[in-house]
Amino acid sequence: MIGIRSPQNLSDILDGYYEGEYFMIKLNDPSELNNILKRILERGIVVYEVKELKNPLEDLLR
């Protein structure tokens, strides 16, 4: 799961949801991030931050 912080609305071009100021996207593979960022930047959308966000339940179930 990654969170992308941007001043623009990302829900128009990506599948995901907002949680606070981060647009959340579940990745099946980390290599998907490159294509996602490429799509965003090609549209001239500003990205402030991209970070990996872990699900706290995943840690409990391990």
N, C-alpha and C. Protein backbone atom coordinates (compact mmCIF):
# COMPACT_ATOMS: atom_id res chain seq x y z
N MET A 1 0.86 -1.16 0.00
CA MET A 1 0.00 0.00 0.00
C MET A 1 0.90 1.23 0.00
N ILE A 2 0.61 2.15 -0.91
CA ILE A 2 1.36 3.41 -0.94
C ILE A 2 0.38 4.56 -0.79
N GLY A 3 0.90 5.66 -0.30
CA GLY A 3 0.14 6.90 -0.20
C GLY A 3 0.83 7.97 -1.01
N ILE A 4 0.07 8.69 -1.81
CA ILE A 4 0.60 9.77 -2.63
C ILE A 4 -0.05 11.06 -2.17
N ARG A 5 0.77 12.04 -1.86
CA ARG A 5 0.26 13.35 -1.43
C ARG A 5 0.45 14.33 -2.58
N SER A 6 -0.65 14.91 -3.02
CA SER A 6 -0.65 15.83 -4.15
C SER A 6 -1.75 16.86 -3.95
N PRO A 7 -1.55 18.09 -4.44
CA PRO A 7 -2.62 19.08 -4.31
C PRO A 7 -3.77 18.84 -5.28
N GLN A 8 -3.56 18.03 -6.31
CA GLN A 8 -4.61 17.72 -7.28
C GLN A 8 -5.35 16.45 -6.91
N ASN A 9 -6.56 16.31 -7.45
CA ASN A 9 -7.39 15.13 -7.21
C ASN A 9 -6.89 13.98 -8.08
N LEU A 10 -6.41 12.92 -7.46
CA LEU A 10 -5.87 11.78 -8.19
C LEU A 10 -6.93 10.74 -8.51
N SER A 11 -8.11 10.85 -7.92
CA SER A 11 -9.14 9.83 -8.14
C SER A 11 -9.69 9.84 -9.56
N ASP A 12 -9.43 10.90 -10.31
CA ASP A 12 -9.87 10.97 -11.71
C ASP A 12 -9.03 10.08 -12.62
N ILE A 13 -7.79 9.79 -12.23
CA ILE A 13 -6.90 9.03 -13.12
C ILE A 13 -6.41 7.71 -12.53
N LEU A 14 -6.61 7.51 -11.23
CA LEU A 14 -6.11 6.29 -10.58
C LEU A 14 -7.20 5.61 -9.77
N ASP A 15 -7.08 4.30 -9.62
CA ASP A 15 -7.97 3.55 -8.74
C ASP A 15 -7.40 3.59 -7.34
N GLY A 16 -8.17 4.06 -6.41
CA GLY A 16 -7.73 4.14 -5.02
C GLY A 16 -8.72 4.97 -4.23
N TYR A 17 -8.29 5.44 -3.07
CA TYR A 17 -9.17 6.22 -2.21
C TYR A 17 -8.33 7.16 -1.36
N TYR A 18 -8.97 8.20 -0.86
CA TYR A 18 -8.29 9.14 0.02
C TYR A 18 -8.43 8.72 1.47
N GLU A 19 -7.30 8.80 2.16
CA GLU A 19 -7.26 8.62 3.60
C GLU A 19 -6.48 9.80 4.14
N GLY A 20 -7.20 10.77 4.68
CA GLY A 20 -6.54 12.01 5.08
C GLY A 20 -6.06 12.73 3.84
N GLU A 21 -4.82 13.16 3.85
CA GLU A 21 -4.27 13.88 2.70
C GLU A 21 -3.56 12.97 1.70
N TYR A 22 -3.59 11.67 1.94
CA TYR A 22 -2.92 10.72 1.05
C TYR A 22 -3.93 9.97 0.18
N PHE A 23 -3.58 9.82 -1.09
CA PHE A 23 -4.36 8.98 -1.99
C PHE A 23 -3.75 7.58 -1.91
N MET A 24 -4.55 6.63 -1.48
CA MET A 24 -4.06 5.29 -1.19
C MET A 24 -4.24 4.37 -2.39
N ILE A 25 -3.18 3.63 -2.71
CA ILE A 25 -3.19 2.68 -3.82
C ILE A 25 -2.56 1.38 -3.34
N LYS A 26 -3.24 0.28 -3.60
CA LYS A 26 -2.67 -1.03 -3.28
C LYS A 26 -1.92 -1.53 -4.50
N LEU A 27 -0.65 -1.84 -4.31
CA LEU A 27 0.18 -2.36 -5.40
C LEU A 27 0.27 -3.87 -5.29
N ASN A 28 0.15 -4.54 -6.42
CA ASN A 28 0.37 -5.99 -6.46
C ASN A 28 1.86 -6.30 -6.49
N ASP A 29 2.62 -5.34 -7.04
CA ASP A 29 4.07 -5.51 -7.18
C ASP A 29 4.70 -4.12 -7.07
N PRO A 30 5.82 -3.97 -6.36
CA PRO A 30 6.45 -2.66 -6.22
C PRO A 30 6.82 -1.99 -7.55
N SER A 31 7.05 -2.79 -8.59
CA SER A 31 7.43 -2.22 -9.88
C SER A 31 6.28 -1.43 -10.52
N GLU A 32 5.06 -1.60 -10.05
CA GLU A 32 3.92 -0.84 -10.57
C GLU A 32 4.04 0.65 -10.28
N LEU A 33 4.78 0.99 -9.25
CA LEU A 33 4.90 2.39 -8.85
C LEU A 33 5.47 3.25 -9.97
N ASN A 34 6.43 2.75 -10.72
CA ASN A 34 7.02 3.53 -11.81
C ASN A 34 5.98 3.97 -12.82
N ASN A 35 5.12 3.06 -13.25
CA ASN A 35 4.09 3.40 -14.23
C ASN A 35 3.06 4.37 -13.66
N ILE A 36 2.72 4.20 -12.40
CA ILE A 36 1.76 5.09 -11.76
C ILE A 36 2.32 6.51 -11.71
N LEU A 37 3.56 6.65 -11.28
CA LEU A 37 4.17 7.98 -11.22
C LEU A 37 4.31 8.59 -12.61
N LYS A 38 4.63 7.78 -13.59
CA LYS A 38 4.76 8.26 -14.97
C LYS A 38 3.43 8.83 -15.45
N ARG A 39 2.33 8.12 -15.19
CA ARG A 39 1.00 8.60 -15.59
C ARG A 39 0.67 9.93 -14.92
N ILE A 40 1.01 10.04 -13.65
CA ILE A 40 0.72 11.27 -12.91
C ILE A 40 1.53 12.44 -13.47
N LEU A 41 2.83 12.23 -13.62
CA LEU A 41 3.71 13.31 -14.03
C LEU A 41 3.49 13.72 -15.48
N GLU A 42 3.10 12.79 -16.35
CA GLU A 42 2.81 13.13 -17.75
C GLU A 42 1.63 14.10 -17.85
N ARG A 43 0.75 14.09 -16.87
CA ARG A 43 -0.40 15.00 -16.85
C ARG A 43 -0.08 16.33 -16.18
N GLY A 44 1.17 16.50 -15.77
CA GLY A 44 1.58 17.75 -15.14
C GLY A 44 1.11 17.89 -13.71
N ILE A 45 0.76 16.78 -13.08
CA ILE A 45 0.29 16.80 -11.70
C ILE A 45 1.48 16.85 -10.75
N VAL A 46 1.40 17.72 -9.78
CA VAL A 46 2.46 17.88 -8.79
C VAL A 46 2.32 16.79 -7.72
N VAL A 47 3.44 16.18 -7.37
CA VAL A 47 3.47 15.18 -6.31
C VAL A 47 4.37 15.70 -5.20
N TYR A 48 3.82 15.80 -4.00
CA TYR A 48 4.60 16.26 -2.85
C TYR A 48 5.34 15.12 -2.16
N GLU A 49 4.70 13.96 -2.12
CA GLU A 49 5.29 12.86 -1.35
C GLU A 49 4.69 11.53 -1.80
N VAL A 50 5.52 10.51 -1.80
CA VAL A 50 5.09 9.13 -2.02
C VAL A 50 5.71 8.31 -0.91
N LYS A 51 4.87 7.56 -0.19
CA LYS A 51 5.46 6.73 0.86
C LYS A 51 4.69 5.43 1.00
N GLU A 52 5.43 4.44 1.45
CA GLU A 52 4.82 3.14 1.71
C GLU A 52 4.11 3.21 3.05
N LEU A 53 2.87 2.79 3.04
CA LEU A 53 2.07 2.78 4.26
C LEU A 53 1.67 1.35 4.55
N LYS A 54 2.03 0.90 5.72
CA LYS A 54 1.74 -0.49 6.08
C LYS A 54 0.40 -0.57 6.79
N ASN A 55 -0.24 -1.68 6.60
CA ASN A 55 -1.48 -1.96 7.31
C ASN A 55 -1.10 -2.53 8.68
N PRO A 56 -1.51 -1.88 9.78
CA PRO A 56 -1.11 -2.37 11.11
C PRO A 56 -1.61 -3.79 11.39
N LEU A 57 -2.68 -4.21 10.75
CA LEU A 57 -3.18 -5.58 10.94
C LEU A 57 -2.21 -6.61 10.38
N GLU A 58 -1.48 -6.25 9.32
CA GLU A 58 -0.50 -7.18 8.75
C GLU A 58 0.55 -7.55 9.78
N ASP A 59 0.99 -6.58 10.56
CA ASP A 59 2.00 -6.85 11.59
C ASP A 59 1.45 -7.75 12.70
N LEU A 60 0.18 -7.56 13.04
CA LEU A 60 -0.42 -8.38 14.09
C LEU A 60 -0.59 -9.83 13.66
N LEU A 61 -0.85 -10.04 12.38
CA LEU A 61 -1.11 -11.39 11.89
C LEU A 61 0.15 -12.18 11.57
N ARG A 62 1.29 -11.55 11.66
CA ARG A 62 2.56 -12.25 11.35
C ARG A 62 3.06 -13.00 12.54
